[in-house]
Amino acid sequence: MRSIGLDVGKHVAEVAIREPGRPTRSGGRISASPESLQAFAATLGPDDQVVLEATTNTWAIVELVDLTLRLLDGLAAEVELADGGIARAVVDDARVRHLLTIPGVGLQTAVGLVALVGNIGRFARPNKLGGEPSGTPSVEQRSISCLASRRTAPAAILR
């Protein structure tokens, strides 16, 4: 758990960060504007503790940081709800289940690939998937001495 100290003035806040087993370090200086404080609050983790020096702005800052954290918690709940809906919608899709067996491929990536590729049967051979001119961007490799021929990125990866 990090402890984050804020010395808040009228226009700026000095940030100090203390992490277990490490010396206290400066987190820099941030503007004391509502927008900057909201951006700062968005960087806080769920276990972070914030300590404020009591100034005339203290309660306004507490309310702003608290509101931002509640909004972020609400967004996280919405994302979790959407993930559950996507998972229920594709639970019986063999293509998604097959892609999920690949290390590093999660639900969103698998669903996105299935949506992007569509009907795999429209490709005569697997190496044609990356060669679809309308579906993949071209990549040009350039160096000082040579200009490589145009290739599509997925085809180069699939070979």
N, C-alpha and C. Protein backbone atom coordinates (compact mmCIF):
# COMPACT_ATOMS: atom_id res chain seq x y z
N MET A 1 0.85 -1.17 0.00
CA MET A 1 0.00 0.00 0.00
C MET A 1 0.90 1.24 0.00
N ARG A 2 0.59 2.15 -0.92
CA ARG A 2 1.33 3.41 -0.97
C ARG A 2 0.64 4.44 -0.08
N SER A 3 1.45 5.31 0.49
CA SER A 3 0.93 6.47 1.20
C SER A 3 1.35 7.69 0.38
N ILE A 4 0.40 8.52 0.06
CA ILE A 4 0.66 9.67 -0.78
C ILE A 4 0.27 10.92 -0.01
N GLY A 5 1.24 11.80 0.18
CA GLY A 5 0.99 13.04 0.89
C GLY A 5 0.82 14.19 -0.09
N LEU A 6 -0.16 15.03 0.17
CA LEU A 6 -0.39 16.21 -0.66
C LEU A 6 -0.27 17.45 0.21
N ASP A 7 0.65 18.33 -0.15
CA ASP A 7 0.77 19.64 0.49
C ASP A 7 0.12 20.60 -0.50
N VAL A 8 -1.12 20.94 -0.25
CA VAL A 8 -1.91 21.68 -1.21
C VAL A 8 -1.90 23.17 -0.91
N GLY A 9 -1.50 23.94 -1.88
CA GLY A 9 -1.55 25.39 -1.79
C GLY A 9 -2.70 25.91 -2.64
N LYS A 10 -2.73 27.19 -2.82
CA LYS A 10 -3.82 27.80 -3.58
C LYS A 10 -3.78 27.40 -5.06
N HIS A 11 -2.56 27.28 -5.63
CA HIS A 11 -2.44 27.01 -7.07
C HIS A 11 -1.79 25.67 -7.40
N VAL A 12 -0.97 25.14 -6.50
CA VAL A 12 -0.26 23.88 -6.78
C VAL A 12 -0.30 22.97 -5.57
N ALA A 13 -0.02 21.70 -5.81
CA ALA A 13 0.10 20.71 -4.74
C ALA A 13 1.41 19.97 -4.93
N GLU A 14 2.17 19.85 -3.86
CA GLU A 14 3.39 19.05 -3.86
C GLU A 14 3.00 17.64 -3.46
N VAL A 15 3.51 16.66 -4.17
CA VAL A 15 3.15 15.26 -3.92
C VAL A 15 4.37 14.53 -3.37
N ALA A 16 4.17 13.78 -2.29
CA ALA A 16 5.21 12.91 -1.73
C ALA A 16 4.64 11.49 -1.69
N ILE A 17 5.47 10.52 -2.09
CA ILE A 17 5.01 9.13 -2.17
C ILE A 17 5.90 8.25 -1.31
N ARG A 18 5.27 7.43 -0.48
CA ARG A 18 5.98 6.48 0.37
C ARG A 18 5.45 5.09 0.05
N GLU A 19 6.35 4.20 -0.38
CA GLU A 19 6.00 2.82 -0.66
C GLU A 19 6.73 1.92 0.33
N PRO A 20 6.12 0.81 0.74
CA PRO A 20 6.76 -0.08 1.72
C PRO A 20 8.16 -0.50 1.27
N GLY A 21 9.11 -0.38 2.17
CA GLY A 21 10.48 -0.81 1.89
C GLY A 21 11.28 0.14 1.02
N ARG A 22 10.73 1.30 0.71
CA ARG A 22 11.43 2.26 -0.13
C ARG A 22 11.43 3.62 0.55
N PRO A 23 12.42 4.44 0.25
CA PRO A 23 12.43 5.78 0.85
C PRO A 23 11.32 6.66 0.24
N THR A 24 10.91 7.63 1.01
CA THR A 24 9.92 8.59 0.52
C THR A 24 10.52 9.35 -0.65
N ARG A 25 9.72 9.56 -1.68
CA ARG A 25 10.21 10.27 -2.87
C ARG A 25 9.20 11.32 -3.28
N SER A 26 9.68 12.26 -4.04
CA SER A 26 8.81 13.32 -4.54
C SER A 26 7.98 12.79 -5.71
N GLY A 27 6.73 13.13 -5.70
CA GLY A 27 5.86 12.80 -6.82
C GLY A 27 5.68 13.98 -7.74
N GLY A 28 6.42 15.05 -7.47
CA GLY A 28 6.36 16.22 -8.31
C GLY A 28 5.33 17.23 -7.82
N ARG A 29 5.06 18.16 -8.68
CA ARG A 29 4.14 19.24 -8.37
C ARG A 29 3.01 19.17 -9.39
N ILE A 30 1.78 19.26 -8.91
CA ILE A 30 0.62 19.27 -9.80
C ILE A 30 -0.19 20.53 -9.56
N SER A 31 -0.93 20.91 -10.55
CA SER A 31 -1.81 22.06 -10.41
C SER A 31 -2.92 21.71 -9.42
N ALA A 32 -3.38 22.69 -8.69
CA ALA A 32 -4.48 22.48 -7.74
C ALA A 32 -5.84 22.71 -8.39
N SER A 33 -5.87 22.75 -9.72
CA SER A 33 -7.15 22.93 -10.42
C SER A 33 -7.98 21.65 -10.30
N PRO A 34 -9.30 21.76 -10.37
CA PRO A 34 -10.14 20.56 -10.29
C PRO A 34 -9.78 19.51 -11.34
N GLU A 35 -9.45 19.95 -12.56
CA GLU A 35 -9.11 19.00 -13.63
C GLU A 35 -7.83 18.23 -13.30
N SER A 36 -6.81 18.94 -12.83
CA SER A 36 -5.55 18.27 -12.49
C SER A 36 -5.71 17.33 -11.30
N LEU A 37 -6.49 17.75 -10.31
CA LEU A 37 -6.72 16.89 -9.15
C LEU A 37 -7.52 15.65 -9.53
N GLN A 38 -8.47 15.79 -10.45
CA GLN A 38 -9.21 14.61 -10.93
C GLN A 38 -8.29 13.67 -11.67
N ALA A 39 -7.41 14.22 -12.53
CA ALA A 39 -6.45 13.38 -13.24
C ALA A 39 -5.53 12.67 -12.26
N PHE A 40 -5.08 13.37 -11.21
CA PHE A 40 -4.26 12.75 -10.18
C PHE A 40 -5.02 11.62 -9.48
N ALA A 41 -6.28 11.88 -9.11
CA ALA A 41 -7.09 10.86 -8.42
C ALA A 41 -7.27 9.62 -9.29
N ALA A 42 -7.33 9.80 -10.60
CA ALA A 42 -7.50 8.66 -11.51
C ALA A 42 -6.28 7.75 -11.52
N THR A 43 -5.13 8.24 -11.05
CA THR A 43 -3.92 7.41 -11.02
C THR A 43 -3.80 6.60 -9.74
N LEU A 44 -4.68 6.85 -8.78
CA LEU A 44 -4.59 6.16 -7.49
C LEU A 44 -5.06 4.72 -7.59
N GLY A 45 -4.39 3.85 -6.87
CA GLY A 45 -4.79 2.46 -6.80
C GLY A 45 -5.79 2.24 -5.68
N PRO A 46 -6.45 1.10 -5.65
CA PRO A 46 -7.48 0.85 -4.64
C PRO A 46 -6.93 0.78 -3.22
N ASP A 47 -5.64 0.48 -3.04
CA ASP A 47 -5.05 0.37 -1.72
C ASP A 47 -4.28 1.62 -1.30
N ASP A 48 -4.21 2.62 -2.17
CA ASP A 48 -3.46 3.83 -1.84
C ASP A 48 -4.15 4.63 -0.73
N GLN A 49 -3.32 5.20 0.15
CA GLN A 49 -3.81 6.11 1.18
C GLN A 49 -3.37 7.51 0.78
N VAL A 50 -4.27 8.47 0.89
CA VAL A 50 -3.93 9.86 0.58
C VAL A 50 -4.05 10.68 1.86
N VAL A 51 -3.00 11.44 2.15
CA VAL A 51 -2.97 12.29 3.33
C VAL A 51 -2.86 13.72 2.84
N LEU A 52 -3.76 14.58 3.34
CA LEU A 52 -3.76 15.98 2.94
C LEU A 52 -3.32 16.87 4.10
N GLU A 53 -2.52 17.87 3.78
CA GLU A 53 -2.25 18.89 4.76
C GLU A 53 -3.51 19.75 4.87
N ALA A 54 -3.93 20.04 6.06
CA ALA A 54 -5.16 20.81 6.26
C ALA A 54 -4.95 22.25 5.82
N THR A 55 -5.67 22.63 4.78
CA THR A 55 -5.65 24.00 4.29
C THR A 55 -7.08 24.43 4.03
N THR A 56 -7.22 25.61 3.50
CA THR A 56 -8.58 26.09 3.20
C THR A 56 -9.24 25.28 2.10
N ASN A 57 -8.45 24.61 1.25
CA ASN A 57 -9.00 23.82 0.14
C ASN A 57 -9.22 22.35 0.49
N THR A 58 -8.88 21.92 1.69
CA THR A 58 -8.86 20.50 2.01
C THR A 58 -10.17 19.79 1.70
N TRP A 59 -11.28 20.29 2.19
CA TRP A 59 -12.54 19.55 2.01
C TRP A 59 -13.00 19.54 0.57
N ALA A 60 -12.73 20.59 -0.17
CA ALA A 60 -13.07 20.60 -1.60
C ALA A 60 -12.26 19.54 -2.34
N ILE A 61 -10.99 19.39 -1.95
CA ILE A 61 -10.13 18.38 -2.59
C ILE A 61 -10.57 16.98 -2.19
N VAL A 62 -10.89 16.78 -0.93
CA VAL A 62 -11.37 15.47 -0.48
C VAL A 62 -12.61 15.07 -1.27
N GLU A 63 -13.55 15.99 -1.40
CA GLU A 63 -14.78 15.69 -2.14
C GLU A 63 -14.48 15.40 -3.60
N LEU A 64 -13.59 16.12 -4.21
CA LEU A 64 -13.23 15.92 -5.62
C LEU A 64 -12.56 14.57 -5.83
N VAL A 65 -11.59 14.24 -4.98
CA VAL A 65 -10.90 12.95 -5.10
C VAL A 65 -11.88 11.81 -4.83
N ASP A 66 -12.74 11.96 -3.82
CA ASP A 66 -13.72 10.93 -3.50
C ASP A 66 -14.69 10.71 -4.66
N LEU A 67 -15.16 11.79 -5.25
CA LEU A 67 -16.08 11.69 -6.39
C LEU A 67 -15.41 10.97 -7.55
N THR A 68 -14.17 11.34 -7.85
CA THR A 68 -13.44 10.71 -8.95
C THR A 68 -13.27 9.22 -8.70
N LEU A 69 -12.91 8.85 -7.48
CA LEU A 69 -12.74 7.43 -7.17
C LEU A 69 -14.05 6.67 -7.27
N ARG A 70 -15.15 7.29 -6.82
CA ARG A 70 -16.46 6.63 -6.96
C ARG A 70 -16.84 6.47 -8.42
N LEU A 71 -16.53 7.47 -9.24
CA LEU A 71 -16.81 7.37 -10.68
C LEU A 71 -15.99 6.24 -11.31
N LEU A 72 -14.71 6.15 -10.93
CA LEU A 72 -13.87 5.08 -11.47
C LEU A 72 -14.37 3.71 -11.03
N ASP A 73 -14.81 3.60 -9.78
CA ASP A 73 -15.38 2.33 -9.31
C ASP A 73 -16.63 1.97 -10.11
N GLY A 74 -17.46 2.99 -10.41
CA GLY A 74 -18.66 2.75 -11.20
C GLY A 74 -18.33 2.31 -12.61
N LEU A 75 -17.30 2.92 -13.21
CA LEU A 75 -16.88 2.51 -14.55
C LEU A 75 -16.33 1.09 -14.53
N ALA A 76 -15.58 0.75 -13.51
CA ALA A 76 -15.04 -0.62 -13.41
C ALA A 76 -16.18 -1.62 -13.31
N ALA A 77 -17.23 -1.28 -12.58
CA ALA A 77 -18.39 -2.17 -12.47
C ALA A 77 -19.09 -2.31 -13.81
N GLU A 78 -19.19 -1.21 -14.57
CA GLU A 78 -19.81 -1.26 -15.90
C GLU A 78 -18.99 -2.14 -16.85
N VAL A 79 -17.67 -2.01 -16.80
CA VAL A 79 -16.81 -2.83 -17.65
C VAL A 79 -16.98 -4.31 -17.29
N GLU A 80 -17.03 -4.60 -16.00
CA GLU A 80 -17.22 -5.98 -15.55
C GLU A 80 -18.57 -6.53 -16.03
N LEU A 81 -19.60 -5.70 -15.97
CA LEU A 81 -20.93 -6.10 -16.44
C LEU A 81 -20.90 -6.36 -17.95
N ALA A 82 -20.23 -5.49 -18.70
CA ALA A 82 -20.13 -5.68 -20.15
C ALA A 82 -19.34 -6.94 -20.48
N ASP A 83 -18.25 -7.18 -19.76
CA ASP A 83 -17.47 -8.41 -19.97
C ASP A 83 -18.33 -9.65 -19.75
N GLY A 84 -19.15 -9.62 -18.71
CA GLY A 84 -20.04 -10.75 -18.44
C GLY A 84 -21.04 -10.95 -19.56
N GLY A 85 -21.59 -9.86 -20.08
CA GLY A 85 -22.53 -9.95 -21.20
C GLY A 85 -21.88 -10.51 -22.45
N ILE A 86 -20.65 -10.06 -22.73
CA ILE A 86 -19.92 -10.59 -23.89
C ILE A 86 -19.64 -12.07 -23.71
N ALA A 87 -19.21 -12.45 -22.51
CA ALA A 87 -18.91 -13.87 -22.24
C ALA A 87 -20.15 -14.74 -22.42
N ARG A 88 -21.30 -14.26 -21.92
CA ARG A 88 -22.54 -15.04 -22.10
C ARG A 88 -22.95 -15.13 -23.56
N ALA A 89 -22.70 -14.08 -24.32
CA ALA A 89 -23.11 -14.07 -25.73
C ALA A 89 -22.26 -15.01 -26.58
N VAL A 90 -21.01 -15.25 -26.20
CA VAL A 90 -20.12 -16.07 -27.03
C VAL A 90 -19.75 -17.40 -26.40
N VAL A 91 -20.42 -17.77 -25.31
CA VAL A 91 -20.04 -18.98 -24.58
C VAL A 91 -20.08 -20.23 -25.46
N ASP A 92 -20.96 -20.28 -26.43
CA ASP A 92 -21.08 -21.46 -27.28
C ASP A 92 -20.34 -21.31 -28.61
N ASP A 93 -19.60 -20.25 -28.81
CA ASP A 93 -18.89 -20.03 -30.07
C ASP A 93 -17.56 -20.79 -30.03
N ALA A 94 -17.45 -21.83 -30.84
CA ALA A 94 -16.25 -22.67 -30.87
C ALA A 94 -15.03 -21.88 -31.30
N ARG A 95 -15.22 -20.89 -32.19
CA ARG A 95 -14.07 -20.08 -32.65
C ARG A 95 -13.46 -19.31 -31.49
N VAL A 96 -14.31 -18.72 -30.66
CA VAL A 96 -13.82 -17.96 -29.50
C VAL A 96 -13.15 -18.90 -28.52
N ARG A 97 -13.78 -20.03 -28.23
CA ARG A 97 -13.18 -21.00 -27.28
C ARG A 97 -11.81 -21.46 -27.78
N HIS A 98 -11.69 -21.69 -29.09
CA HIS A 98 -10.42 -22.13 -29.66
C HIS A 98 -9.35 -21.04 -29.50
N LEU A 99 -9.71 -19.80 -29.79
CA LEU A 99 -8.74 -18.70 -29.64
C LEU A 99 -8.32 -18.51 -28.19
N LEU A 100 -9.20 -18.78 -27.25
CA LEU A 100 -8.88 -18.61 -25.83
C LEU A 100 -7.83 -19.61 -25.35
N THR A 101 -7.56 -20.66 -26.13
CA THR A 101 -6.51 -21.62 -25.74
C THR A 101 -5.11 -21.09 -26.05
N ILE A 102 -5.02 -20.00 -26.79
CA ILE A 102 -3.73 -19.42 -27.14
C ILE A 102 -3.26 -18.57 -25.95
N PRO A 103 -2.04 -18.82 -25.45
CA PRO A 103 -1.54 -18.01 -24.32
C PRO A 103 -1.53 -16.52 -24.67
N GLY A 104 -2.04 -15.72 -23.77
CA GLY A 104 -2.05 -14.28 -23.97
C GLY A 104 -3.29 -13.74 -24.66
N VAL A 105 -4.15 -14.62 -25.17
CA VAL A 105 -5.38 -14.17 -25.82
C VAL A 105 -6.51 -14.24 -24.81
N GLY A 106 -7.08 -13.09 -24.50
CA GLY A 106 -8.20 -13.01 -23.57
C GLY A 106 -9.51 -12.91 -24.32
N LEU A 107 -10.57 -12.75 -23.56
CA LEU A 107 -11.92 -12.73 -24.13
C LEU A 107 -12.09 -11.60 -25.15
N GLN A 108 -11.67 -10.38 -24.80
CA GLN A 108 -11.87 -9.26 -25.72
C GLN A 108 -11.09 -9.47 -27.02
N THR A 109 -9.87 -9.97 -26.93
CA THR A 109 -9.06 -10.20 -28.12
C THR A 109 -9.69 -11.28 -28.99
N ALA A 110 -10.13 -12.37 -28.38
CA ALA A 110 -10.74 -13.46 -29.13
C ALA A 110 -12.01 -13.01 -29.82
N VAL A 111 -12.87 -12.30 -29.11
CA VAL A 111 -14.12 -11.81 -29.70
C VAL A 111 -13.83 -10.80 -30.81
N GLY A 112 -12.84 -9.93 -30.58
CA GLY A 112 -12.47 -8.96 -31.60
C GLY A 112 -11.94 -9.61 -32.86
N LEU A 113 -11.12 -10.66 -32.72
CA LEU A 113 -10.61 -11.38 -33.89
C LEU A 113 -11.73 -12.06 -34.66
N VAL A 114 -12.64 -12.70 -33.94
CA VAL A 114 -13.76 -13.36 -34.60
C VAL A 114 -14.61 -12.34 -35.35
N ALA A 115 -14.84 -11.19 -34.73
CA ALA A 115 -15.63 -10.14 -35.39
C ALA A 115 -14.90 -9.59 -36.61
N LEU A 116 -13.59 -9.41 -36.51
CA LEU A 116 -12.81 -8.86 -37.61
C LEU A 116 -12.72 -9.83 -38.79
N VAL A 117 -12.43 -11.09 -38.51
CA VAL A 117 -12.24 -12.08 -39.58
C VAL A 117 -13.57 -12.52 -40.18
N GLY A 118 -14.57 -12.65 -39.33
CA GLY A 118 -15.87 -13.10 -39.84
C GLY A 118 -15.83 -14.58 -40.20
N ASN A 119 -16.42 -14.92 -41.33
CA ASN A 119 -16.48 -16.31 -41.78
C ASN A 119 -15.12 -16.73 -42.32
N ILE A 120 -14.43 -17.59 -41.59
CA ILE A 120 -13.09 -18.03 -41.98
C ILE A 120 -13.13 -18.83 -43.28
N GLY A 121 -14.29 -19.41 -43.59
CA GLY A 121 -14.45 -20.20 -44.80
C GLY A 121 -14.29 -19.40 -46.08
N ARG A 122 -14.32 -18.09 -46.01
CA ARG A 122 -14.17 -17.27 -47.21
C ARG A 122 -12.72 -17.20 -47.69
N PHE A 123 -11.79 -17.75 -46.89
CA PHE A 123 -10.38 -17.78 -47.28
C PHE A 123 -10.04 -19.17 -47.78
N ALA A 124 -9.44 -19.24 -48.98
CA ALA A 124 -9.11 -20.53 -49.60
C ALA A 124 -8.08 -21.30 -48.78
N ARG A 125 -7.11 -20.61 -48.24
CA ARG A 125 -6.04 -21.24 -47.45
C ARG A 125 -5.73 -20.33 -46.26
N PRO A 126 -5.15 -20.88 -45.18
CA PRO A 126 -4.84 -20.05 -44.01
C PRO A 126 -3.96 -18.84 -44.32
N ASN A 127 -3.00 -19.01 -45.25
CA ASN A 127 -2.11 -17.88 -45.54
C ASN A 127 -2.82 -16.78 -46.31
N LYS A 128 -4.01 -17.03 -46.82
CA LYS A 128 -4.78 -16.00 -47.51
C LYS A 128 -5.45 -15.04 -46.52
N LEU A 129 -5.58 -15.45 -45.28
CA LEU A 129 -6.18 -14.58 -44.27
C LEU A 129 -5.43 -13.27 -44.16
N GLY A 130 -4.12 -13.33 -44.12
CA GLY A 130 -3.32 -12.11 -44.02
C GLY A 130 -3.15 -11.39 -45.34
N GLY A 131 -3.52 -12.03 -46.44
CA GLY A 131 -3.35 -11.42 -47.75
C GLY A 131 -4.59 -10.75 -48.27
N GLU A 132 -5.62 -10.65 -47.47
CA GLU A 132 -6.87 -10.02 -47.89
C GLU A 132 -6.63 -8.53 -48.09
N PRO A 133 -6.65 -8.02 -49.32
CA PRO A 133 -6.28 -6.62 -49.54
C PRO A 133 -7.24 -5.62 -48.90
N SER A 134 -8.49 -5.98 -48.79
CA SER A 134 -9.44 -5.00 -48.24
C SER A 134 -9.47 -5.00 -46.72
N GLY A 135 -8.87 -6.01 -46.07
CA GLY A 135 -9.03 -6.11 -44.64
C GLY A 135 -7.81 -5.80 -43.80
N THR A 136 -6.63 -5.69 -44.42
CA THR A 136 -5.45 -5.46 -43.61
C THR A 136 -4.63 -4.30 -44.17
N PRO A 137 -4.07 -3.49 -43.29
CA PRO A 137 -3.28 -2.36 -43.77
C PRO A 137 -1.93 -2.82 -44.29
N SER A 138 -1.37 -2.07 -45.21
CA SER A 138 -0.05 -2.38 -45.76
C SER A 138 1.03 -1.82 -44.85
N VAL A 139 2.16 -2.49 -44.88
CA VAL A 139 3.30 -2.03 -44.11
C VAL A 139 4.48 -1.92 -45.06
N GLU A 140 5.11 -0.78 -45.08
CA GLU A 140 6.31 -0.63 -45.89
C GLU A 140 7.51 -0.59 -44.97
N GLN A 141 8.49 -1.40 -45.29
CA GLN A 141 9.71 -1.39 -44.50
C GLN A 141 10.74 -0.58 -45.26
N ARG A 142 11.26 0.45 -44.62
CA ARG A 142 12.22 1.32 -45.28
C ARG A 142 13.50 1.40 -44.45
N SER A 143 14.59 1.49 -45.12
CA SER A 143 15.85 1.79 -44.45
C SER A 143 16.60 2.77 -45.34
N ILE A 144 17.75 3.17 -44.92
CA ILE A 144 18.51 4.15 -45.70
C ILE A 144 18.89 3.58 -47.06
N SER A 145 19.25 2.30 -47.10
CA SER A 145 19.79 1.76 -48.34
C SER A 145 18.80 0.98 -49.19
N CYS A 146 17.66 0.59 -48.67
CA CYS A 146 16.76 -0.23 -49.49
C CYS A 146 15.31 0.06 -49.18
N LEU A 147 14.46 -0.25 -50.13
CA LEU A 147 13.03 -0.13 -49.97
C LEU A 147 12.46 -1.52 -50.20
N ALA A 148 11.91 -2.10 -49.15
CA ALA A 148 11.36 -3.46 -49.24
C ALA A 148 10.04 -3.43 -49.98
N SER A 149 9.65 -4.54 -50.52
CA SER A 149 8.37 -4.62 -51.22
C SER A 149 7.23 -4.54 -50.22
N ARG A 150 6.05 -4.15 -50.70
CA ARG A 150 4.89 -4.01 -49.83
C ARG A 150 4.41 -5.38 -49.39
N ARG A 151 4.10 -5.50 -48.11
CA ARG A 151 3.55 -6.74 -47.54
C ARG A 151 2.50 -6.35 -46.56
N THR A 152 1.54 -7.22 -46.35
CA THR A 152 0.56 -6.95 -45.32
C THR A 152 1.07 -7.53 -44.01
N ALA A 153 0.84 -6.83 -42.94
CA ALA A 153 1.39 -7.22 -41.65
C ALA A 153 0.97 -8.62 -41.21
N PRO A 154 -0.34 -8.98 -41.24
CA PRO A 154 -0.72 -10.31 -40.78
C PRO A 154 -0.08 -11.43 -41.60
N ALA A 155 0.08 -11.23 -42.92
CA ALA A 155 0.68 -12.28 -43.74
C ALA A 155 2.12 -12.52 -43.30
N ALA A 156 2.83 -11.44 -43.00
CA ALA A 156 4.21 -11.58 -42.55
C ALA A 156 4.27 -12.31 -41.22
N ILE A 157 3.31 -12.08 -40.37
CA ILE A 157 3.28 -12.74 -39.05
C ILE A 157 2.92 -14.20 -39.19
N LEU A 158 2.00 -14.53 -40.11
CA LEU A 158 1.51 -15.91 -40.24
C LEU A 158 2.53 -16.83 -40.88
N ARG A 159 3.54 -16.30 -41.57
CA ARG A 159 4.50 -17.16 -42.28
C ARG A 159 5.51 -17.75 -41.37
